[in-house]
Amino acid sequence: MFETLYAHDLESQVGDTVSRDGLTFCKLFTNPSFADPAAYVSTRFPDLNLGTTTRMYADPQWFGYSILWNSVYEVSEQRPERSRR
């Protein structure tokens, strides 16, 4: 489940949704440094759960440190639609 959410988070904007296993996740907010391509460099790391790179701070003061993935999602249950008679 977390791999699905993380993959979605890498490519989504605030307000975007993803669904899995009867749940819908709506991205409410995220770490601005994680979301802004100018604020990070993609660094190759082997043996990740998903993909081959991780986001590291581009700012010289924080260079070499991994940006925390701390997006917040609202979770709602998908309910089957009732048939209309």
Protein backbone atom coordinates (compact mmCIF):
# COMPACT_ATOMS: atom_id res chain seq x y z
CA MET A 1 0.00 0.00 0.00
CA PHE A 2 2.76 2.47 0.91
CA GLU A 3 4.55 1.86 -2.38
CA THR A 4 1.37 2.83 -4.25
CA LEU A 5 0.98 5.99 -2.18
CA TYR A 6 4.64 6.94 -2.57
CA ALA A 7 4.56 6.39 -6.35
CA HIS A 8 1.45 8.58 -6.53
CA ASP A 9 3.06 11.23 -4.34
CA LEU A 10 6.10 11.50 -6.61
CA GLU A 11 3.98 12.55 -9.57
CA SER A 12 0.93 14.23 -8.03
CA GLN A 13 -0.15 17.68 -6.91
CA VAL A 14 -2.12 18.68 -3.83
CA GLY A 15 -5.75 17.71 -4.43
CA ASP A 16 -4.97 14.70 -6.64
CA THR A 17 -6.37 11.30 -5.64
CA VAL A 18 -5.42 7.66 -5.96
CA SER A 19 -7.54 4.60 -5.12
CA ARG A 20 -6.58 1.14 -3.98
CA ASP A 21 -8.22 -1.72 -2.14
CA GLY A 22 -11.52 0.13 -1.66
CA LEU A 23 -9.88 3.27 -0.30
CA THR A 24 -9.40 6.68 -1.90
CA PHE A 25 -6.46 8.86 -0.84
CA CYS A 26 -6.57 12.61 -1.48
CA LYS A 27 -3.31 14.54 -1.10
CA LEU A 28 -3.98 17.47 1.26
CA PHE A 29 -0.49 18.96 1.58
CA THR A 30 3.15 18.02 1.25
CA ASN A 31 6.67 19.08 2.14
CA PRO A 32 7.36 21.98 -0.26
CA SER A 33 10.97 20.85 -0.70
CA PHE A 34 9.80 17.37 -1.68
CA ALA A 35 7.39 18.76 -4.29
CA ASP A 36 9.62 21.43 -5.88
CA PRO A 37 12.07 20.06 -8.49
CA ALA A 38 14.33 23.08 -7.91
CA ALA A 39 14.70 22.14 -4.23
CA TYR A 40 16.00 18.59 -4.70
CA VAL A 41 18.35 16.42 -6.72
CA SER A 42 17.49 12.83 -7.55
CA THR A 43 20.23 10.58 -6.26
CA ARG A 44 20.61 6.97 -7.28
CA PHE A 45 20.18 4.42 -4.49
CA PRO A 46 20.10 0.67 -5.00
CA ASP A 47 17.69 -1.61 -3.15
CA LEU A 48 14.80 0.79 -2.69
CA ASN A 49 11.25 -0.50 -2.31
CA LEU A 50 10.22 1.63 -5.28
CA GLY A 51 12.35 3.05 -8.07
CA THR A 52 16.08 3.61 -8.11
CA THR A 53 16.45 7.19 -6.85
CA THR A 54 15.61 9.23 -3.78
CA ARG A 55 15.24 12.99 -3.39
CA MET A 56 18.06 14.83 -1.64
CA TYR A 57 18.17 18.53 -0.75
CA ALA A 58 19.77 20.69 -3.47
CA ASP A 59 20.46 23.54 -1.01
CA PRO A 60 24.20 23.55 -0.21
CA GLN A 61 23.41 23.91 3.51
CA TRP A 62 21.46 20.62 3.46
CA PHE A 63 23.19 18.88 0.53
CA GLY A 64 23.53 15.16 1.11
CA TYR A 65 20.51 14.94 3.39
CA SER A 66 17.40 13.09 2.30
CA ILE A 67 14.16 15.07 2.14
CA LEU A 68 11.52 13.63 4.42
CA TRP A 69 8.46 12.28 2.68
CA ASN A 70 5.71 13.71 4.81
CA SER A 71 2.69 14.32 2.63
CA VAL A 72 -0.68 14.22 4.35
CA TYR A 73 -3.57 12.35 2.76
CA GLU A 74 -7.27 12.21 3.56
CA VAL A 75 -8.54 8.64 3.37
CA SER A 76 -12.10 7.76 2.43
CA GLU A 77 -13.79 4.46 1.83
CA GLN A 78 -15.14 3.76 -1.64
CA ARG A 79 -18.74 2.75 -1.41
CA PRO A 80 -20.40 0.69 -4.11
CA GLU A 81 -23.04 2.59 -6.03
CA ARG A 82 -26.58 1.44 -5.46
CA SER A 83 -28.56 0.45 -8.48
CA ARG A 84 -31.48 2.70 -9.25
CA ARG A 85 -34.90 1.20 -9.85
